[in-house]
Structures are given as structure tokens and as C-alpha cells.
Amino acid sequence: MLASPEKQKENAQYLLDAYISVINILSSNKDSDGVSRISQTEIAKILGVSQTAVAKRFKNLIKFGAITKSEPRNAYIVLNTDLLNHSPIGLLYKLMTLLQERPDI
């Protein structure tokens, strides 16, 4: 059985927030060159999640074009912070909002 549009929207919001939290940590830890050198393990500790969960978020953020790897190891550059308008999760959230507001469509 499919979840209701409200539940799907809630799930999309949770995912969106999870990805945005990683971007915010990277953004707040960047140096003068715009490179963030904080490890996934450190981010996991800050967020209270596993390193594996953070690694999955990094992998998807790279796919979304929101971040890119830089040299040396554990170095990333934030390219895009607008996940609502530039990621599949943002699109899902918008779709669920539309379905919630206009159940007739």
C-alpha cells in the first residue's frame, strides 16, 4: 500500500533536511579557498548518524551536482545549496506538496 501524499511529503522533507544539514556543515567549515576539509566521520558525529549514512548523502549530493570532491582526501566544495529546485528530492517534495494542495489532479 502506498503512503498518503502527506506522508510522502513528510518523508521528502526529512530527506531534504538531511541533505541540507550536510551542505550546511560543509559550508560552515570551508576555508578561504571555499574548500571544506571535514571528514564524513566528523559530520556523522555532529549529526548523530552513522558514517555510512553520511557517505550515502555525499554520494547523492555529488550526483545532484551540489558538491564535488577536491584534493586532498576529505576535501569538498559546495557548488549548489538550492536542493529544493535542483535535486530529485526537491522535485519529489514539490510534487507531494502539489498533490496535497490539489488532490483532484
C-alpha atoms as a PDB file:
ATOM      1  CA  MET A   1       0.000   0.000   0.000  1.00  0.00           C
ATOM      2  CA  LEU A   2       1.324   3.422  -0.929  1.00  0.00           C
ATOM      3  CA  ALA A   3       1.781   6.066   1.726  1.00  0.00           C
ATOM      4  CA  SER A   4      -0.547   9.034   1.646  1.00  0.00           C
ATOM      5  CA  PRO A   5       0.628  12.192  -0.137  1.00  0.00           C
ATOM      6  CA  GLU A   6       1.006  13.824   3.294  1.00  0.00           C
ATOM      7  CA  LYS A   7       3.309  11.033   4.497  1.00  0.00           C
ATOM      8  CA  GLN A   8       5.274  11.081   1.237  1.00  0.00           C
ATOM      9  CA  LYS A   9       5.703  14.845   1.562  1.00  0.00           C
ATOM     10  CA  GLU A  10       6.873  14.376   5.165  1.00  0.00           C
ATOM     11  CA  ASN A  11       9.409  11.760   4.015  1.00  0.00           C
ATOM     12  CA  ALA A  12      10.657  14.013   1.215  1.00  0.00           C
ATOM     13  CA  GLN A  13      11.031  16.904   3.692  1.00  0.00           C
ATOM     14  CA  TYR A  14      13.039  14.650   6.021  1.00  0.00           C
ATOM     15  CA  LEU A  15      15.390  13.673   3.189  1.00  0.00           C
ATOM     16  CA  LEU A  16      15.708  17.249   2.000  1.00  0.00           C
ATOM     17  CA  ASP A  17      16.587  18.372   5.534  1.00  0.00           C
ATOM     18  CA  ALA A  18      19.132  15.545   5.880  1.00  0.00           C
ATOM     19  CA  TYR A  19      20.959  16.607   2.725  1.00  0.00           C
ATOM     20  CA  ILE A  20      20.758  20.303   3.589  1.00  0.00           C
ATOM     21  CA  SER A  21      22.286  19.604   7.011  1.00  0.00           C
ATOM     22  CA  VAL A  22      25.371  18.100   5.327  1.00  0.00           C
ATOM     23  CA  ILE A  23      25.653  21.068   2.960  1.00  0.00           C
ATOM     24  CA  ASN A  24      25.344  23.486   5.897  1.00  0.00           C
ATOM     25  CA  ILE A  25      28.140  21.732   7.786  1.00  0.00           C
ATOM     26  CA  LEU A  26      30.364  21.750   4.711  1.00  0.00           C
ATOM     27  CA  SER A  27      29.586  25.428   4.087  1.00  0.00           C
ATOM     28  CA  SER A  28      30.360  26.412   7.674  1.00  0.00           C
ATOM     29  CA  ASN A  29      33.683  24.560   7.598  1.00  0.00           C
ATOM     30  CA  LYS A  30      35.137  25.892   4.353  1.00  0.00           C
ATOM     31  CA  ASP A  31      38.450  27.690   4.157  1.00  0.00           C
ATOM     32  CA  SER A  32      39.315  30.874   2.270  1.00  0.00           C
ATOM     33  CA  ASP A  33      39.503  28.864  -0.963  1.00  0.00           C
ATOM     34  CA  GLY A  34      35.939  27.593  -0.465  1.00  0.00           C
ATOM     35  CA  VAL A  35      37.113  24.065   0.307  1.00  0.00           C
ATOM     36  CA  SER A  36      35.710  22.167   3.268  1.00  0.00           C
ATOM     37  CA  ARG A  37      38.081  19.681   4.858  1.00  0.00           C
ATOM     38  CA  ILE A  38      35.871  17.982   7.405  1.00  0.00           C
ATOM     39  CA  SER A  39      35.640  14.203   7.413  1.00  0.00           C
ATOM     40  CA  GLN A  40      32.482  12.223   6.947  1.00  0.00           C
ATOM     41  CA  THR A  41      33.118  10.730  10.388  1.00  0.00           C
ATOM     42  CA  GLU A  42      33.153  14.203  11.969  1.00  0.00           C
ATOM     43  CA  ILE A  43      29.947  15.122  10.144  1.00  0.00           C
ATOM     44  CA  ALA A  44      28.336  11.874  11.318  1.00  0.00           C
ATOM     45  CA  LYS A  45      29.212  12.741  14.924  1.00  0.00           C
ATOM     46  CA  ILE A  46      27.748  16.241  14.555  1.00  0.00           C
ATOM     47  CA  LEU A  47      24.520  14.889  13.056  1.00  0.00           C
ATOM     48  CA  GLY A  48      24.259  11.874  15.334  1.00  0.00           C
ATOM     49  CA  VAL A  49      24.073   9.407  12.445  1.00  0.00           C
ATOM     50  CA  SER A  50      26.343   6.685  11.122  1.00  0.00           C
ATOM     51  CA  GLN A  51      29.295   7.394   8.856  1.00  0.00           C
ATOM     52  CA  THR A  52      27.618   5.122   6.308  1.00  0.00           C
ATOM     53  CA  ALA A  53      24.545   7.373   6.263  1.00  0.00           C
ATOM     54  CA  VAL A  54      26.755  10.402   5.681  1.00  0.00           C
ATOM     55  CA  ALA A  55      28.682   8.591   2.923  1.00  0.00           C
ATOM     56  CA  LYS A  56      25.387   7.866   1.126  1.00  0.00           C
ATOM     57  CA  ARG A  57      24.399  11.525   1.431  1.00  0.00           C
ATOM     58  CA  PHE A  58      27.768  12.605  -0.002  1.00  0.00           C
ATOM     59  CA  LYS A  59      27.392  10.181  -2.914  1.00  0.00           C
ATOM     60  CA  ASN A  60      23.940  11.555  -3.751  1.00  0.00           C
ATOM     61  CA  LEU A  61      24.967  15.186  -3.259  1.00  0.00           C
ATOM     62  CA  ILE A  62      27.737  14.602  -5.789  1.00  0.00           C
ATOM     63  CA  LYS A  63      25.170  13.048  -8.201  1.00  0.00           C
ATOM     64  CA  PHE A  64      22.856  16.040  -7.666  1.00  0.00           C
ATOM     65  CA  GLY A  65      25.718  18.405  -8.548  1.00  0.00           C
ATOM     66  CA  ALA A  66      25.509  20.028  -5.115  1.00  0.00           C
ATOM     67  CA  ILE A  67      29.078  19.197  -4.066  1.00  0.00           C
ATOM     68  CA  THR A  68      32.258  17.997  -5.700  1.00  0.00           C
ATOM     69  CA  LYS A  69      35.328  16.248  -4.385  1.00  0.00           C
ATOM     70  CA  SER A  70      38.541  18.202  -4.155  1.00  0.00           C
ATOM     71  CA  GLU A  71      42.099  17.251  -3.317  1.00  0.00           C
ATOM     72  CA  PRO A  72      43.363  16.122  -0.867  1.00  0.00           C
ATOM     73  CA  ARG A  73      41.231  13.443   0.748  1.00  0.00           C
ATOM     74  CA  ASN A  74      38.217  14.621   2.776  1.00  0.00           C
ATOM     75  CA  ALA A  75      38.013  17.867   0.815  1.00  0.00           C
ATOM     76  CA  TYR A  76      34.779  19.041  -0.801  1.00  0.00           C
ATOM     77  CA  ILE A  77      33.454  22.162  -2.477  1.00  0.00           C
ATOM     78  CA  VAL A  78      29.798  23.144  -2.199  1.00  0.00           C
ATOM     79  CA  LEU A  79      28.514  24.030  -5.678  1.00  0.00           C
ATOM     80  CA  ASN A  80      24.785  24.431  -5.082  1.00  0.00           C
ATOM     81  CA  THR A  81      22.791  24.895  -1.891  1.00  0.00           C
ATOM     82  CA  ASP A  82      19.347  25.072  -3.511  1.00  0.00           C
ATOM     83  CA  LEU A  83      18.312  21.434  -3.304  1.00  0.00           C
ATOM     84  CA  LEU A  84      14.625  22.308  -3.407  1.00  0.00           C
ATOM     85  CA  ASN A  85      14.998  23.496  -7.010  1.00  0.00           C
ATOM     86  CA  HIS A  86      17.980  21.429  -8.139  1.00  0.00           C
ATOM     87  CA  SER A  87      17.577  17.863  -6.904  1.00  0.00           C
ATOM     88  CA  PRO A  88      15.263  14.899  -7.361  1.00  0.00           C
ATOM     89  CA  ILE A  89      14.299  15.159  -3.682  1.00  0.00           C
ATOM     90  CA  GLY A  90      13.237  18.768  -4.140  1.00  0.00           C
ATOM     91  CA  LEU A  91      11.159  17.752  -7.146  1.00  0.00           C
ATOM     92  CA  LEU A  92       9.546  14.983  -5.101  1.00  0.00           C
ATOM     93  CA  TYR A  93       8.781  17.444  -2.302  1.00  0.00           C
ATOM     94  CA  LYS A  94       7.189  19.884  -4.755  1.00  0.00           C
ATOM     95  CA  LEU A  95       5.133  17.097  -6.312  1.00  0.00           C
ATOM     96  CA  MET A  96       3.884  15.904  -2.921  1.00  0.00           C
ATOM     97  CA  THR A  97       3.001  19.485  -1.970  1.00  0.00           C
ATOM     98  CA  LEU A  98       1.039  19.866  -5.189  1.00  0.00           C
ATOM     99  CA  LEU A  99      -0.811  16.599  -4.603  1.00  0.00           C
ATOM    100  CA  GLN A 100      -1.614  17.633  -1.061  1.00  0.00           C
ATOM    101  CA  GLU A 101      -2.904  21.029  -2.159  1.00  0.00           C
ATOM    102  CA  ARG A 102      -4.719  19.719  -5.255  1.00  0.00           C
ATOM    103  CA  PRO A 103      -5.840  16.129  -4.612  1.00  0.00           C
ATOM    104  CA  ASP A 104      -8.108  16.332  -7.652  1.00  0.00           C
ATOM    105  CA  ILE A 105      -5.196  16.099 -10.102  1.00  0.00           C
END
